[in-house]
């Protein structure tokens, strides 16, 4: 569930500072800030307190801070690599990467804390949408048409948030039309997007409601998030960080209490349509003109040409060239910022680390996750010794019981069980 949330704040434009030891005094301040926010909510939003144990860690230095005494159990290997719920000592902790916490913006910091604290209670609420392997990974959102209609939907949601009465109703109808146009063009898109809408969109709605100074502040923050999302290099795994808040806050205005009725099968578009008493605008293309659609299409066409050149280079590096292929099983961190889909092959992420029974790798130069999600490819491998490999921007160590064998192409290798 949390994989798409790992670098949410990087996705919307907050790069991590350099690695550093966890400052215990500052971490204690952060824990108090989060406690204040969840006590202010008092369980009103979801009927359950968002307060819970928190852990902040830096993987590079191994330093850590906890909001309550740390368990004597072995520390999970993922702590320090991801922002996500963690099971540690029989307790669910919300874990944070020290470098990813916004140091100079308390409001953003609070929203990050509340996002992950919600993920800890999300399973109890039944608000989980299991991934349907047949639905794919939203690769349509890396295409010209997919991005074009998604950006229009965001613009209409932002307009609706800032309006009232007939103007709001009209903007909602437009947003629904743009959503429908995208889903019509890409069979399976609705099912694929639904998973991220539920698993991350609701968490993002929660962070804006509980991490803002009232409803109007939440709306201002959500509108800013919708505008910022358009600058993202990839929407494949990150779109719901913008649209989830837009739909949720509009539903708050039109159907108070909606969130207590939502299930993992609910659809944001259908909920908003019913709440507003409106259906999608009949002519999505005509509606696009109200949101500078012509200029937007020109910009996306230019981006698409540039993207095809990038994909060609990534294909040369990760598909046609020599690679090390390892199983994806296990856990670790993944930077979803700028993720690039190679059609038919998988998704290249800018940075990734993974640890499992087969061993460990740290690929700050990027890695390709296969389309079926079963394997990871690392480029230009060189065998250093029986257990160590390295390549362009990565290193890997092979664990006991596993070995390196020749791969499918000259110069390639594969890690397999002995």
Protein backbone atom coordinates (compact mmCIF):
# COMPACT_ATOMS: atom_id res chain seq x y z
CA UNK A 1 0.00 0.00 0.00
CA UNK A 2 2.70 2.47 0.98
CA UNK A 3 5.06 1.98 -1.93
CA UNK A 4 3.43 4.80 -3.85
CA UNK A 5 3.67 7.07 -0.84
CA UNK A 6 7.35 6.63 -0.19
CA UNK A 7 8.46 9.82 -1.84
CA UNK A 8 5.24 11.74 -2.09
CA UNK A 9 6.82 14.96 -0.97
CA UNK A 10 9.65 14.59 -3.45
CA UNK A 11 7.11 14.15 -6.19
CA UNK A 12 5.54 17.53 -5.52
CA UNK A 13 8.88 19.26 -5.56
CA UNK A 14 10.68 18.91 -2.25
CA UNK A 15 14.14 17.34 -2.83
CA UNK A 16 15.81 15.69 0.15
CA UNK A 17 18.73 17.37 1.86
CA UNK A 18 22.03 15.55 2.23
CA UNK A 19 22.19 12.57 4.56
CA UNK A 20 22.76 13.48 8.19
CA UNK A 21 22.36 11.97 11.61
CA UNK A 22 18.93 12.21 13.19
CA UNK A 23 18.86 15.21 15.52
CA UNK A 24 17.23 13.87 18.68
CA UNK A 25 16.07 17.26 19.92
CA UNK A 26 14.51 18.19 16.61
CA UNK A 27 12.91 14.76 16.28
CA UNK A 28 11.32 15.21 19.69
CA UNK A 29 9.89 18.52 18.47
CA UNK A 30 8.47 16.74 15.41
CA UNK A 31 6.80 14.10 17.57
CA UNK A 32 5.14 16.84 19.62
CA UNK A 33 3.92 18.59 16.45
CA UNK A 34 2.32 15.37 15.19
CA UNK A 35 0.78 14.68 18.60
CA UNK A 36 -0.75 18.15 18.63
CA UNK A 37 -2.33 17.64 15.21
CA UNK A 38 -3.81 14.23 15.93
CA UNK A 39 -5.07 15.37 19.34
CA UNK A 40 -6.69 18.35 17.65
CA UNK A 41 -8.52 15.93 15.37
CA UNK A 42 -9.45 13.83 18.39
CA UNK A 43 -10.68 10.97 16.22
CA UNK A 44 -13.44 13.12 14.73
CA UNK A 45 -12.53 12.51 11.09
CA UNK A 46 -12.41 8.72 11.05
CA UNK A 47 -13.82 7.77 14.45
CA UNK A 48 -10.37 6.48 15.38
CA UNK A 49 -7.42 8.39 16.80
CA UNK A 50 -4.62 9.04 14.33
CA UNK A 51 -2.10 9.19 17.17
CA UNK A 52 0.39 6.35 17.21
CA UNK A 53 4.05 5.49 17.69
CA UNK A 54 6.45 7.19 15.28
CA UNK A 55 10.01 6.42 14.28
CA UNK A 56 12.40 8.64 12.33
CA UNK A 57 15.62 7.16 10.97
CA UNK A 58 18.54 7.82 8.67
CA UNK A 59 19.68 4.71 6.82
CA UNK A 60 23.10 6.09 5.92
CA UNK A 61 24.17 6.79 9.51
CA UNK A 62 21.96 4.23 11.25
CA UNK A 63 20.68 6.87 13.66
CA UNK A 64 17.11 6.73 14.91
CA UNK A 65 14.57 8.52 17.12
CA UNK A 66 11.30 7.10 18.46
CA UNK A 67 8.26 8.74 20.03
CA UNK A 68 8.09 6.00 22.66
CA UNK A 69 10.64 3.47 23.91
CA UNK A 70 11.89 1.31 21.05
CA UNK A 71 11.03 -2.40 21.16
CA UNK A 72 13.71 -4.94 21.98
CA UNK A 73 12.76 -6.78 18.79
CA UNK A 74 15.05 -6.58 15.77
CA UNK A 75 14.62 -3.30 13.94
CA UNK A 76 12.91 -3.73 10.53
CA UNK A 77 15.39 -3.39 7.70
CA UNK A 78 13.15 -0.90 5.89
CA UNK A 79 13.32 1.73 8.63
CA UNK A 80 15.30 4.68 7.33
CA UNK A 81 14.52 3.83 3.71
CA UNK A 82 10.79 4.58 3.45
CA UNK A 83 7.94 6.70 4.76
CA UNK A 84 5.45 3.93 5.55
CA UNK A 85 3.75 1.93 8.30
CA UNK A 86 6.09 -0.63 9.90
CA UNK A 87 5.49 -3.61 12.12
CA UNK A 88 8.06 -3.54 14.91
CA UNK A 89 7.77 -5.46 18.14
CA UNK A 90 4.16 -6.37 17.43
CA UNK A 91 3.16 -2.69 17.05
CA UNK A 92 2.39 -0.65 13.95
CA UNK A 93 4.71 2.37 13.73
CA UNK A 94 4.60 5.22 11.24
CA UNK A 95 8.16 5.42 9.92
CA UNK A 96 9.81 8.44 8.33
CA UNK A 97 13.07 9.02 6.51
CA UNK A 98 14.96 11.82 8.25
CA UNK A 99 16.09 13.42 4.98
CA UNK A 100 12.55 13.55 3.62
CA UNK A 101 11.00 15.52 6.46
CA UNK A 102 10.54 19.19 5.42
CA UNK A 103 12.84 20.99 7.85
CA UNK A 104 11.76 24.57 7.15
CA UNK A 105 8.00 24.22 6.70
CA UNK A 106 6.01 23.08 9.72
CA UNK A 107 2.73 22.92 7.79
CA UNK A 108 4.14 20.58 5.13
CA UNK A 109 5.84 18.57 7.83
CA UNK A 110 2.57 18.13 9.67
CA UNK A 111 0.77 16.98 6.55
CA UNK A 112 3.48 14.37 5.95
CA UNK A 113 3.10 13.09 9.50
CA UNK A 114 -0.68 12.86 9.24
CA UNK A 115 -0.51 11.12 5.86
CA UNK A 116 1.58 8.26 7.23
CA UNK A 117 -0.30 8.08 10.53
CA UNK A 118 -3.49 7.59 8.52
CA UNK A 119 -1.87 4.73 6.61
CA UNK A 120 -1.40 2.99 9.97
CA UNK A 121 -5.16 2.93 10.65
CA UNK A 122 -6.25 2.56 7.03
CA UNK A 123 -6.51 -1.26 7.09
CA UNK A 124 -8.74 -1.09 10.19
CA UNK A 125 -11.10 1.18 8.28
CA UNK A 126 -11.25 -1.24 5.36
CA UNK A 127 -10.10 1.48 2.98
CA UNK A 128 -7.74 -0.65 0.94
CA UNK A 129 -8.10 -1.38 -2.76
CA UNK A 130 -6.16 -4.52 -3.70
CA UNK A 131 -4.20 -4.22 -6.89
CA UNK A 132 -5.71 -6.05 -9.85
CA UNK A 133 -2.77 -7.41 -11.89
CA UNK A 134 -4.91 -7.26 -15.03
CA UNK A 135 -5.47 -3.52 -14.53
CA UNK A 136 -1.83 -2.58 -15.11
CA UNK A 137 0.26 0.19 -13.54
CA UNK A 138 -1.34 3.37 -14.92
CA UNK A 139 1.23 3.65 -17.70
CA UNK A 140 -1.38 5.58 -19.69
CA UNK A 141 -0.57 8.53 -17.44
CA UNK A 142 2.84 8.77 -19.06
CA UNK A 143 1.27 9.27 -22.50
CA UNK A 144 0.24 12.50 -24.19
CA UNK A 145 -3.49 11.77 -23.98
CA UNK A 146 -3.36 10.40 -20.46
CA UNK A 147 -1.49 13.41 -19.11
CA UNK A 148 -3.60 15.88 -21.09
CA UNK A 149 -6.92 14.68 -19.67
CA UNK A 150 -5.50 14.27 -16.16
CA UNK A 151 -4.20 17.85 -16.11
CA UNK A 152 -7.58 19.10 -17.32
CA UNK A 153 -9.29 17.15 -14.54
CA UNK A 154 -6.97 18.75 -11.97
CA UNK A 155 -7.67 22.23 -13.35
CA UNK A 156 -11.42 21.67 -13.15
CA UNK A 157 -11.16 20.32 -9.60
CA UNK A 158 -9.14 23.38 -8.56
CA UNK A 159 -11.70 25.69 -10.17
CA UNK A 160 -14.54 23.89 -8.39
CA UNK A 161 -12.75 24.18 -5.03
CA UNK A 162 -12.41 27.92 -5.49
CA UNK A 163 -15.99 28.50 -6.65
CA UNK A 164 -19.53 28.08 -5.35
CA UNK A 165 -23.04 27.67 -6.70
CA UNK A 166 -23.48 27.25 -10.45
CA UNK A 167 -19.80 27.91 -11.16
CA UNK A 168 -18.79 25.06 -8.86
CA UNK A 169 -21.38 22.73 -10.39
CA UNK A 170 -20.15 23.54 -13.90
CA UNK A 171 -16.53 22.90 -12.97
CA UNK A 172 -17.45 19.57 -11.37
CA UNK A 173 -19.25 18.53 -14.56
CA UNK A 174 -16.10 19.41 -16.50
CA UNK A 175 -13.86 17.43 -14.16
CA UNK A 176 -16.11 14.40 -14.55
CA UNK A 177 -16.05 14.82 -18.34
CA UNK A 178 -12.25 14.92 -18.45
CA UNK A 179 -12.08 11.87 -16.19
CA UNK A 180 -14.52 9.99 -18.43
CA UNK A 181 -12.66 11.01 -21.59
CA UNK A 182 -9.43 9.57 -20.21
CA UNK A 183 -11.03 6.33 -19.12
CA UNK A 184 -12.76 5.95 -22.48
CA UNK A 185 -9.47 6.29 -24.34
CA UNK A 186 -7.63 3.79 -22.15
CA UNK A 187 -9.48 0.53 -21.40
CA UNK A 188 -8.63 -0.61 -17.88
CA UNK A 189 -7.55 2.88 -16.79
CA UNK A 190 -10.46 3.32 -14.40
CA UNK A 191 -9.61 0.11 -12.53
CA UNK A 192 -5.89 0.88 -12.44
CA UNK A 193 -6.40 4.43 -11.19
CA UNK A 194 -8.93 3.29 -8.59
CA UNK A 195 -6.23 1.45 -6.62
CA UNK A 196 -4.15 4.60 -6.18
CA UNK A 197 -7.22 6.80 -5.63
CA UNK A 198 -8.24 4.71 -2.63
CA UNK A 199 -4.87 3.77 -1.18
CA UNK A 200 -3.23 7.20 -1.53
CA UNK A 201 -6.00 9.65 -2.41
CA UNK A 202 -7.81 9.14 0.89
CA UNK A 203 -4.56 9.46 2.85
CA UNK A 204 -3.86 12.74 1.08
CA UNK A 205 -7.37 14.01 1.78
CA UNK A 206 -6.76 13.16 5.44
CA UNK A 207 -3.48 15.04 5.58
CA UNK A 208 -5.10 18.22 4.24
CA UNK A 209 -8.08 18.04 6.59
CA UNK A 210 -6.09 17.27 9.74
CA UNK A 211 -2.94 19.20 8.86
CA UNK A 212 -4.58 22.51 7.90
CA UNK A 213 -5.94 25.40 9.94
CA UNK A 214 -9.59 24.87 9.07
CA UNK A 215 -11.56 24.11 5.91
CA UNK A 216 -10.53 27.19 3.92
CA UNK A 217 -6.86 26.59 4.63
CA UNK A 218 -7.26 22.98 3.52
CA UNK A 219 -8.87 24.14 0.27
CA UNK A 220 -6.07 26.65 -0.38
CA UNK A 221 -3.46 23.98 0.25
CA UNK A 222 -5.25 21.47 -1.98
CA UNK A 223 -5.58 24.00 -4.81
CA UNK A 224 -1.85 24.72 -4.56
CA UNK A 225 -1.18 20.99 -4.66
CA UNK A 226 -3.29 20.56 -7.79
CA UNK A 227 -1.38 23.33 -9.55
CA UNK A 228 2.00 21.99 -8.43
CA UNK A 229 1.14 18.48 -9.59
CA UNK A 230 1.01 19.64 -13.20
CA UNK A 231 4.76 20.28 -13.14
CA UNK A 232 5.50 16.67 -12.24
CA UNK A 233 7.64 14.72 -14.69
CA UNK A 234 5.46 11.63 -14.22
CA UNK A 235 1.91 11.07 -12.98
CA UNK A 236 1.99 7.25 -13.09
CA UNK A 237 2.14 6.65 -9.33
CA UNK A 238 1.60 10.14 -7.99
CA UNK A 239 -1.64 11.53 -9.45
CA UNK A 240 -3.80 10.75 -6.42
CA UNK A 241 -1.70 12.99 -4.19
CA UNK A 242 -3.39 15.87 -6.00
CA UNK A 243 -6.79 14.56 -7.06
CA UNK A 244 -7.58 12.75 -3.80
CA UNK A 245 -7.59 16.00 -1.86
CA UNK A 246 -9.62 17.75 -4.57
CA UNK A 247 -12.37 15.15 -4.62
CA UNK A 248 -12.41 14.72 -0.86
CA UNK A 249 -12.71 18.40 -0.01
CA UNK A 250 -15.44 18.94 -2.60
CA UNK A 251 -17.32 16.01 -1.08
CA UNK A 252 -16.92 17.61 2.35
CA UNK A 253 -18.71 20.70 1.05
CA UNK A 254 -21.45 18.85 -0.79
CA UNK A 255 -21.98 15.70 1.25
CA UNK A 256 -20.72 16.09 4.84
CA UNK A 257 -19.94 12.73 6.40
CA UNK A 258 -19.25 11.05 3.06
CA UNK A 259 -15.94 9.67 4.32
CA UNK A 260 -17.69 7.56 6.94
CA UNK A 261 -19.58 5.73 4.16
CA UNK A 262 -16.79 5.24 1.66
CA UNK A 263 -15.43 1.73 1.05
CA UNK A 264 -12.47 0.31 -0.81
CA UNK A 265 -14.76 -0.18 -3.81
CA UNK A 266 -16.03 3.42 -3.94
CA UNK A 267 -15.26 5.62 -6.93
CA UNK A 268 -14.45 9.31 -6.38
CA UNK A 269 -16.07 10.36 -9.63
CA UNK A 270 -19.32 8.57 -8.87
CA UNK A 271 -19.40 9.92 -5.32
CA UNK A 272 -18.91 13.51 -6.48
CA UNK A 273 -21.44 13.15 -9.29
CA UNK A 274 -24.10 11.98 -6.82
CA UNK A 275 -23.20 14.61 -4.22
CA UNK A 276 -23.32 17.49 -6.72
CA UNK A 277 -26.35 16.16 -8.56
CA UNK A 278 -24.54 16.54 -11.86
CA UNK A 279 -23.24 14.29 -14.62
CA UNK A 280 -20.24 14.74 -16.86
CA UNK A 281 -20.36 17.59 -19.36
CA UNK A 282 -21.47 16.20 -22.72
CA UNK A 283 -18.60 17.58 -24.80
CA UNK A 284 -15.24 17.16 -23.07
CA UNK A 285 -13.35 18.68 -26.01
CA UNK A 286 -15.46 21.83 -25.86
CA UNK A 287 -15.08 21.97 -22.08
CA UNK A 288 -11.29 21.82 -22.48
CA UNK A 289 -11.35 25.25 -24.08
CA UNK A 290 -12.44 26.68 -20.72
CA UNK A 291 -9.14 25.50 -19.23
CA UNK A 292 -6.71 26.60 -21.94
CA UNK A 293 -6.80 23.13 -23.44
CA UNK A 294 -5.20 24.19 -26.74
CA UNK A 295 -2.03 25.47 -25.07
CA UNK A 296 -1.98 22.49 -22.78
CA UNK A 297 -2.09 20.07 -25.71
CA UNK A 298 0.77 21.89 -27.45
CA UNK A 299 2.86 21.64 -24.27
CA UNK A 300 2.08 17.96 -23.84
CA UNK A 301 2.89 17.24 -27.49
CA UNK A 302 6.30 18.84 -27.01
CA UNK A 303 6.83 16.91 -23.80
CA UNK A 304 5.86 13.69 -25.59
CA UNK A 305 8.48 14.23 -28.30
CA UNK A 306 11.13 14.78 -25.67
CA UNK A 307 9.88 11.80 -23.70
CA UNK A 308 10.20 9.46 -26.67
CA UNK A 309 13.89 10.34 -26.92
CA UNK A 310 14.31 9.63 -23.20
CA UNK A 311 12.51 6.30 -23.53
CA UNK A 312 14.73 5.31 -26.46
CA UNK A 313 17.82 5.93 -24.35
CA UNK A 314 16.39 4.03 -21.38
CA UNK A 315 15.47 1.12 -23.68
CA UNK A 316 19.04 1.03 -24.93
CA UNK A 317 20.32 0.98 -21.37
CA UNK A 318 17.88 -1.32 -19.59
CA UNK A 319 16.38 -3.53 -22.31
CA UNK A 320 18.84 -3.88 -25.19
CA UNK A 321 22.07 -3.59 -23.22
CA UNK A 322 23.62 -5.89 -20.62
CA UNK A 323 21.86 -5.95 -17.24
CA UNK A 324 21.82 -7.72 -13.91
CA UNK A 325 18.38 -9.25 -13.30
CA UNK A 326 17.32 -9.86 -9.70
CA UNK A 327 14.03 -10.97 -8.10
CA UNK A 328 11.83 -8.13 -6.89
CA UNK A 329 10.78 -10.00 -3.75
CA UNK A 330 11.64 -8.24 -0.51
CA UNK A 331 11.37 -4.64 0.58
CA UNK A 332 13.17 -1.34 0.32
CA UNK A 333 12.79 2.19 -1.01
CA UNK A 334 11.80 3.64 -4.35
CA UNK A 335 11.89 7.19 -5.70
CA UNK A 336 8.74 7.67 -7.76
CA UNK A 337 9.76 11.17 -8.87
CA UNK A 338 10.31 11.13 -12.62
CA UNK A 339 9.43 7.46 -13.06
CA UNK A 340 9.48 6.62 -16.77
CA UNK A 341 7.54 3.82 -18.45
CA UNK A 342 9.17 1.81 -21.22
CA UNK A 343 6.08 0.42 -22.99
CA UNK A 344 5.93 -3.35 -22.80
CA UNK A 345 9.01 -3.58 -20.57
CA UNK A 346 8.32 -1.87 -17.27
CA UNK A 347 9.07 1.31 -15.35
CA UNK A 348 12.44 2.94 -14.71
CA UNK A 349 12.74 4.64 -11.33
CA UNK A 350 15.44 7.20 -10.65
CA UNK A 351 16.59 5.58 -7.43
CA UNK A 352 15.79 2.32 -5.71
CA UNK A 353 17.10 0.05 -2.98
CA UNK A 354 15.91 -3.47 -2.22
CA UNK A 355 16.75 -6.20 0.28
CA UNK A 356 15.48 -9.77 0.28
CA UNK A 357 16.60 -13.38 0.58
CA UNK A 358 18.64 -13.16 -2.61
CA UNK A 359 20.70 -10.20 -1.34
CA UNK A 360 20.72 -6.42 -1.50
CA UNK A 361 21.21 -3.63 -4.02
CA UNK A 362 21.37 0.15 -3.86
CA UNK A 363 20.72 1.79 -7.24
CA UNK A 364 20.96 5.56 -6.91
CA UNK A 365 21.45 5.70 -10.67
CA UNK A 366 18.13 4.03 -11.45
CA UNK A 367 16.54 0.61 -11.93
CA UNK A 368 13.91 -1.00 -14.17
CA UNK A 369 10.99 -2.84 -12.57
CA UNK A 370 9.57 -5.30 -15.10
CA UNK A 371 6.05 -4.90 -16.44
CA UNK A 372 4.89 -7.97 -14.48
CA UNK A 373 6.53 -6.66 -11.31
CA UNK A 374 8.55 -9.84 -10.83
CA UNK A 375 12.11 -8.69 -11.55
CA UNK A 376 14.42 -5.67 -11.40
CA UNK A 377 17.11 -4.90 -13.98
CA UNK A 378 20.29 -2.97 -13.22
CA UNK A 379 22.43 -1.74 -16.14
CA UNK A 380 25.97 -2.60 -17.25
CA UNK A 381 26.91 -5.15 -14.57
CA UNK A 382 30.47 -6.00 -13.59
CA UNK A 383 31.24 -8.98 -11.33
CA UNK A 384 33.66 -7.90 -8.63
CA UNK A 385 33.83 -11.24 -6.81
CA UNK A 386 31.60 -14.21 -6.02
CA UNK A 387 29.09 -12.14 -4.04
CA UNK A 388 29.58 -8.54 -5.19
CA UNK A 389 28.50 -6.81 -8.39
CA UNK A 390 28.43 -3.21 -9.46
CA UNK A 391 27.36 -1.16 -12.44
CA UNK A 392 26.44 2.29 -13.62
CA UNK A 393 25.12 3.93 -10.45
CA UNK A 394 24.54 0.78 -8.37
CA UNK A 395 26.10 -1.92 -6.22
CA UNK A 396 24.70 -5.32 -5.24
CA UNK A 397 25.59 -8.11 -2.83
CA UNK A 398 24.37 -11.68 -3.34
CA UNK A 399 23.26 -13.56 -0.24
CA UNK A 400 23.91 -17.16 0.86
CA UNK A 401 22.13 -19.82 -1.14
CA UNK A 402 22.03 -17.67 -4.28
CA UNK A 403 24.41 -17.41 -7.21
CA UNK A 404 25.09 -15.34 -10.31
CA UNK A 405 24.57 -16.95 -13.72
CA UNK A 406 24.76 -15.65 -17.30
CA UNK A 407 21.68 -13.66 -18.34
CA UNK A 408 19.61 -13.60 -21.53
CA UNK A 409 21.96 -11.26 -23.46
CA UNK A 410 25.74 -11.08 -23.86
CA UNK A 411 27.24 -9.39 -20.82
CA UNK A 412 24.08 -9.89 -18.75
CA UNK A 413 23.74 -11.79 -15.48
CA UNK A 414 20.89 -13.18 -13.40
CA UNK A 415 20.73 -13.91 -9.67
CA UNK A 416 19.16 -17.33 -9.07
CA UNK A 417 18.80 -19.73 -6.17
CA UNK A 418 21.53 -22.34 -5.99
